Protein backbone atom coordinates (compact mmCIF):
# COMPACT_ATOMS: atom_id res chain seq x y z
CA MET A 1 -12.43 -76.57 14.69
CA GLN A 2 -12.11 -78.28 18.05
CA PRO A 3 -15.31 -79.48 19.75
CA PHE A 4 -17.08 -76.59 21.35
CA LEU A 5 -18.02 -76.92 25.02
CA ALA A 6 -21.76 -77.35 25.58
CA VAL A 7 -22.06 -74.53 28.10
CA PRO A 8 -25.36 -72.58 27.83
CA ASP A 9 -23.83 -69.09 27.83
CA ARG A 10 -21.20 -70.15 25.30
CA GLN A 11 -23.88 -71.70 23.12
CA SER A 12 -25.84 -68.46 23.22
CA GLY A 13 -22.72 -66.49 22.32
CA PHE A 14 -21.93 -68.82 19.45
CA ALA A 15 -25.49 -68.62 18.12
CA ALA A 16 -25.47 -64.83 18.35
CA ALA A 17 -22.16 -64.62 16.48
CA VAL A 18 -23.41 -66.92 13.73
CA MET A 19 -26.40 -64.69 13.08
CA GLN A 20 -24.36 -61.48 12.76
CA VAL A 21 -23.48 -60.40 9.23
CA ALA A 22 -20.09 -59.36 10.56
CA GLY A 23 -18.62 -59.40 14.01
CA PRO A 24 -16.02 -60.93 16.31
CA LEU A 25 -15.56 -64.63 16.85
CA PRO A 26 -17.45 -66.14 19.77
CA ASP A 27 -15.40 -66.47 22.93
CA GLY A 28 -13.33 -69.60 23.27
CA LEU A 29 -13.46 -70.65 19.62
CA THR A 30 -10.27 -72.31 18.39
CA ALA A 31 -9.16 -74.47 15.44
CA TRP A 32 -7.46 -77.84 15.61
CA HIS A 33 -4.29 -76.51 13.98
CA GLY A 34 -3.99 -73.65 16.43
CA GLN A 35 -4.50 -70.94 13.84
CA PRO A 36 -7.22 -68.24 14.18
CA PRO A 37 -10.44 -69.73 12.69
CA GLU A 38 -11.90 -66.49 11.29
CA ALA A 39 -12.10 -67.74 7.71
CA ARG A 40 -13.67 -71.08 8.62
CA PHE A 41 -16.16 -69.44 10.95
CA SER A 42 -17.04 -66.91 8.24
CA VAL A 43 -17.86 -69.75 5.84
CA TYR A 44 -20.00 -71.44 8.49
CA ARG A 45 -21.78 -68.18 9.29
CA ASN A 46 -22.49 -67.53 5.62
CA ASN A 47 -23.82 -71.06 5.08
CA VAL A 48 -26.21 -70.77 8.02
CA GLN A 49 -27.54 -67.38 6.96
CA ALA A 50 -27.82 -68.34 3.30
CA GLY A 51 -29.66 -71.53 4.24
CA LEU A 52 -32.21 -69.62 6.30
CA ALA A 53 -32.64 -67.05 3.51
CA ARG A 54 -33.31 -69.90 1.06
CA ALA A 55 -35.84 -71.34 3.49
CA LEU A 56 -37.68 -68.00 3.41
CA ALA A 57 -37.53 -67.90 -0.39
CA SER A 58 -39.08 -71.37 -0.56
CA ARG A 59 -41.88 -70.27 1.77
CA PHE A 60 -42.54 -66.98 -0.04
CA PRO A 61 -42.15 -67.77 -3.76
CA ALA A 62 -44.64 -65.15 -4.94
CA GLY A 63 -42.89 -62.48 -2.88
CA GLU A 64 -39.54 -63.45 -4.33
CA ARG A 65 -40.95 -63.28 -7.85
CA ILE A 66 -42.34 -59.78 -7.26
CA VAL A 67 -39.07 -58.20 -6.09
CA GLY A 68 -36.58 -60.55 -7.76
CA PRO A 69 -34.17 -63.09 -6.23
CA ASP A 70 -31.38 -60.62 -5.42
CA PHE A 71 -33.55 -58.09 -3.59
CA PHE A 72 -35.42 -60.86 -1.78
CA ALA A 73 -32.18 -62.52 -0.69
CA ALA A 74 -30.83 -59.24 0.71
CA MET A 75 -34.10 -58.57 2.51
CA ALA A 76 -34.18 -62.12 3.87
CA ARG A 77 -30.59 -61.92 5.12
CA THR A 78 -31.43 -58.75 7.05
CA TYR A 79 -34.47 -60.47 8.57
CA VAL A 80 -32.42 -63.55 9.47
CA GLU A 81 -29.87 -61.44 11.35
CA LEU A 82 -32.56 -59.61 13.32
CA HIS A 83 -34.94 -62.57 13.79
CA PRO A 84 -33.01 -65.83 14.15
CA PRO A 85 -35.07 -69.01 14.45
CA ARG A 86 -36.04 -70.07 17.95
CA SER A 87 -36.71 -73.70 17.06
CA PRO A 88 -34.92 -76.33 14.95
CA VAL A 89 -38.28 -76.92 13.24
CA LEU A 90 -38.56 -74.27 10.52
CA LEU A 91 -42.21 -74.82 9.50
CA GLY A 92 -43.24 -71.62 11.25
CA TYR A 93 -40.07 -69.65 10.62
CA GLY A 94 -40.97 -66.40 8.92
CA ASP A 95 -44.50 -66.07 10.29
CA ASP A 96 -43.64 -62.47 11.18
CA PHE A 97 -41.67 -61.84 7.98
CA PRO A 98 -44.59 -59.84 6.47
CA ASP A 99 -44.54 -57.45 9.43
CA PHE A 100 -40.79 -57.03 9.01
CA VAL A 101 -41.21 -56.33 5.29
CA ALA A 102 -43.97 -53.79 5.97
CA ALA A 103 -41.43 -51.75 7.96
CA PHE A 104 -38.44 -52.47 5.69
CA GLU A 105 -37.65 -49.12 4.12
CA PRO A 106 -36.03 -50.44 0.91
CA ALA A 107 -39.34 -52.23 0.14
CA ALA A 108 -41.48 -49.13 0.67
CA SER A 109 -41.97 -48.74 -3.09
CA VAL A 110 -43.83 -52.08 -3.10
CA PRO A 111 -46.56 -51.33 -0.53
CA TYR A 112 -48.59 -54.44 -1.34
CA LEU A 113 -45.67 -56.84 -0.80
CA ALA A 114 -46.34 -57.45 2.90
CA ASP A 115 -49.95 -58.46 2.23
CA VAL A 116 -48.87 -60.87 -0.51
CA LEU A 117 -46.51 -62.42 2.03
CA ARG A 118 -49.40 -62.62 4.53
CA ILE A 119 -51.32 -64.72 2.01
CA GLU A 120 -48.33 -67.03 1.75
CA VAL A 121 -48.12 -67.33 5.54
CA ALA A 122 -51.83 -68.13 5.62
CA ARG A 123 -51.36 -70.79 2.93
CA SER A 124 -48.59 -72.42 4.96
CA ARG A 125 -50.66 -72.41 8.14
CA ALA A 126 -53.69 -73.76 6.31
CA TYR A 127 -51.63 -76.56 4.80
CA HIS A 128 -50.44 -77.72 8.23
CA ALA A 129 -53.74 -77.21 10.07
CA ALA A 130 -55.91 -80.05 11.34
CA ASP A 131 -57.87 -82.15 8.85
CA LEU A 132 -61.63 -81.93 9.25
CA PRO A 133 -64.45 -82.54 6.80
CA PRO A 134 -66.25 -79.33 5.83
CA LEU A 135 -69.88 -78.76 6.71
CA ASP A 136 -72.27 -80.40 4.27
CA PRO A 137 -74.64 -77.64 3.03
CA ALA A 138 -77.44 -80.24 3.10
CA GLU A 139 -77.43 -79.95 6.90
CA LEU A 140 -79.13 -76.56 6.52
CA ALA A 141 -82.02 -78.01 4.54
CA ASP A 142 -84.02 -79.17 7.57
CA ILE A 143 -83.63 -75.98 9.57
CA PRO A 144 -86.80 -73.85 9.65
CA PRO A 145 -86.31 -70.52 7.85
CA GLU A 146 -87.18 -68.55 10.97
CA ALA A 147 -84.34 -70.26 12.87
CA VAL A 148 -81.60 -69.71 10.30
CA GLY A 149 -80.66 -66.24 11.54
CA ALA A 150 -79.86 -67.62 15.00
CA LEU A 151 -77.41 -70.20 13.70
CA ARG A 152 -73.77 -70.11 14.72
CA PHE A 153 -70.99 -71.82 12.80
CA ARG A 154 -67.60 -73.21 13.67
CA LEU A 155 -65.02 -72.15 11.13
CA HIS A 156 -62.88 -74.82 9.54
CA PRO A 157 -59.46 -74.91 11.29
CA THR A 158 -57.70 -74.06 8.03
CA VAL A 159 -59.52 -70.75 7.50
CA HIS A 160 -57.46 -67.56 7.40
CA LEU A 161 -58.40 -64.06 6.25
CA VAL A 162 -56.09 -61.45 4.76
CA ARG A 163 -57.58 -57.99 4.31
CA SER A 164 -55.77 -55.47 2.16
CA PRO A 165 -56.25 -52.00 0.64
CA HIS A 166 -54.45 -53.40 -2.43
CA PRO A 167 -55.65 -55.93 -5.06
CA VAL A 168 -53.62 -58.50 -3.18
CA VAL A 169 -55.42 -61.65 -4.38
CA THR A 170 -54.97 -60.60 -8.00
CA ILE A 171 -51.30 -59.81 -7.41
CA TRP A 172 -50.66 -63.08 -5.58
CA THR A 173 -52.39 -65.07 -8.32
CA MET A 174 -50.27 -63.38 -10.99
CA ASN A 175 -47.07 -64.23 -9.14
CA ALA A 176 -47.92 -67.70 -7.87
CA GLU A 177 -46.68 -70.78 -9.68
CA GLY A 178 -48.19 -70.82 -13.16
CA GLY A 179 -49.32 -67.19 -12.92
CA GLU A 180 -48.48 -64.46 -15.38
CA PRO A 181 -47.93 -60.87 -14.19
CA GLY A 182 -49.85 -58.21 -16.06
CA PRO A 183 -51.48 -54.79 -15.68
CA ILE A 184 -54.26 -54.27 -13.15
CA ASP A 185 -56.90 -51.88 -14.46
CA ASP A 186 -58.87 -51.34 -11.24
CA TRP A 187 -56.53 -50.86 -8.28
CA LEU A 188 -58.99 -51.68 -5.52
CA GLY A 189 -58.56 -53.39 -2.19
CA GLU A 190 -59.21 -57.12 -1.98
CA ASP A 191 -59.78 -59.51 0.90
CA ALA A 192 -58.46 -63.06 0.68
CA LEU A 193 -59.95 -66.23 2.08
CA VAL A 194 -57.40 -69.00 2.51
CA VAL A 195 -58.84 -72.44 3.27
CA ARG A 196 -58.05 -76.13 2.86
CA PRO A 197 -61.25 -78.13 3.32
CA HIS A 198 -59.73 -81.16 1.57
CA LEU A 199 -56.21 -81.75 0.20
CA ALA A 200 -55.34 -78.54 -1.64
CA VAL A 201 -55.05 -75.04 -0.17
CA ALA A 202 -57.25 -72.53 -2.02
CA VAL A 203 -57.08 -68.75 -2.12
CA HIS A 204 -60.39 -67.00 -2.87
CA ARG A 205 -61.14 -63.33 -3.40
CA LEU A 206 -64.02 -62.48 -1.10
CA PRO A 207 -66.99 -60.40 -2.25
CA SER A 208 -67.84 -57.09 -0.61
CA GLY A 209 -68.21 -57.39 3.15
CA GLY A 210 -67.22 -61.05 3.05
CA ALA A 211 -64.22 -60.76 5.35
CA ALA A 212 -66.22 -58.93 8.02
CA PHE A 213 -68.99 -61.53 7.67
CA ILE A 214 -66.68 -64.53 8.10
CA ALA A 215 -64.66 -62.85 10.87
CA ALA A 216 -67.86 -62.18 12.81
CA LEU A 217 -68.94 -65.81 12.47
CA GLY A 218 -65.50 -66.87 13.65
CA ASP A 219 -65.94 -64.67 16.73
CA GLY A 220 -69.18 -66.47 17.60
CA ALA A 221 -71.79 -64.16 16.07
CA THR A 222 -75.08 -65.54 14.84
CA LEU A 223 -75.74 -65.58 11.12
CA ALA A 224 -77.97 -62.52 11.51
CA GLU A 225 -75.32 -60.65 13.51
CA ALA A 226 -72.61 -61.57 11.01
CA ALA A 227 -74.82 -60.38 8.15
CA GLU A 228 -75.17 -57.04 9.91
CA ALA A 229 -71.36 -56.85 10.26
CA GLY A 230 -71.01 -57.51 6.55
CA ALA A 231 -73.55 -54.83 5.71
CA VAL A 232 -71.77 -52.32 7.92
CA ALA A 233 -68.50 -53.11 6.15
CA SER A 234 -69.97 -52.69 2.68
CA ASP A 235 -73.12 -51.22 1.17
CA HIS A 236 -72.87 -53.94 -1.48
CA PHE A 237 -72.89 -56.87 0.95
CA ASP A 238 -75.02 -59.76 -0.34
CA LEU A 239 -75.85 -62.32 2.36
CA ALA A 240 -76.99 -65.05 -0.03
CA ALA A 241 -73.87 -64.75 -2.19
CA ASN A 242 -71.52 -64.69 0.78
CA LEU A 243 -73.17 -67.60 2.58
CA THR A 244 -73.30 -69.69 -0.58
CA GLY A 245 -69.66 -68.93 -1.31
CA ALA A 246 -68.60 -69.77 2.23
CA LEU A 247 -70.42 -73.10 2.14
CA SER A 248 -69.05 -74.07 -1.26
CA SER A 249 -65.50 -73.09 -0.22
CA GLY A 250 -65.59 -75.22 2.93
CA VAL A 251 -65.36 -72.32 5.38
CA PHE A 252 -67.42 -74.09 8.07
CA SER A 253 -66.72 -77.34 9.87
CA ARG A 254 -70.09 -77.61 11.60
CA ILE A 255 -73.13 -75.81 12.93
CA ALA A 256 -72.43 -74.80 16.52
CA GLU A 257 -74.91 -75.22 19.31
CA GLY A 258 -75.31 -72.32 21.69
CA ARG A 259 -72.88 -69.47 22.24
CA PHE A 260 -69.15 -70.02 22.19
CA PRO A 261 -66.13 -67.78 22.82
């Protein structure tokens, strides 16, 4: 192909044509030998779309394992056509892929798939989030018991929550690297905590009311207010178990002073 003129509207037209599964050549496109370049452009188009679909597969390995490579590739190619990347940096490409899958009719028979993908998005974001040491639980030792309820905490920057009506943590674990799919006896909703307090990203299944508890703390609630939110979310909420689990998982970066947005 001859060099393509770097004119903004032509660039936009070329990019739009590349992302179409089928369609006309972009305006002004010619080949060096003077022959119509349909075949060469078709190869280029296919390579671009296939490369982006592979990028999605590498970001969502558990999702691909659940539905199989062929179905995932077809689903990814549809997403790529409708949602082309807006940046040459692909670290965040596919952040909205779970929302697309949730509305993708051919995947309707796998209703938990979108939430599994949301865990994988959360893992990616946690991996690339800022490094901070987690709160040392020993810092709570010198706080008078009567003042504990008024404490506020800053969440660690790697913390993400995924709430689901499906056993999504169990399903993700079965389909993650090294996992083994199997039957699930109790099909109950699960909430996931994704966090990277040190080097490795961890996915934890939260106890009852845990997601509401952590979300409230993230919104600036005091420990007492967050405990109330957890109790409202679940009759089985256990403050001691949830606080201990949050501390041991590295959910907090520090104790906050005063109120914050």
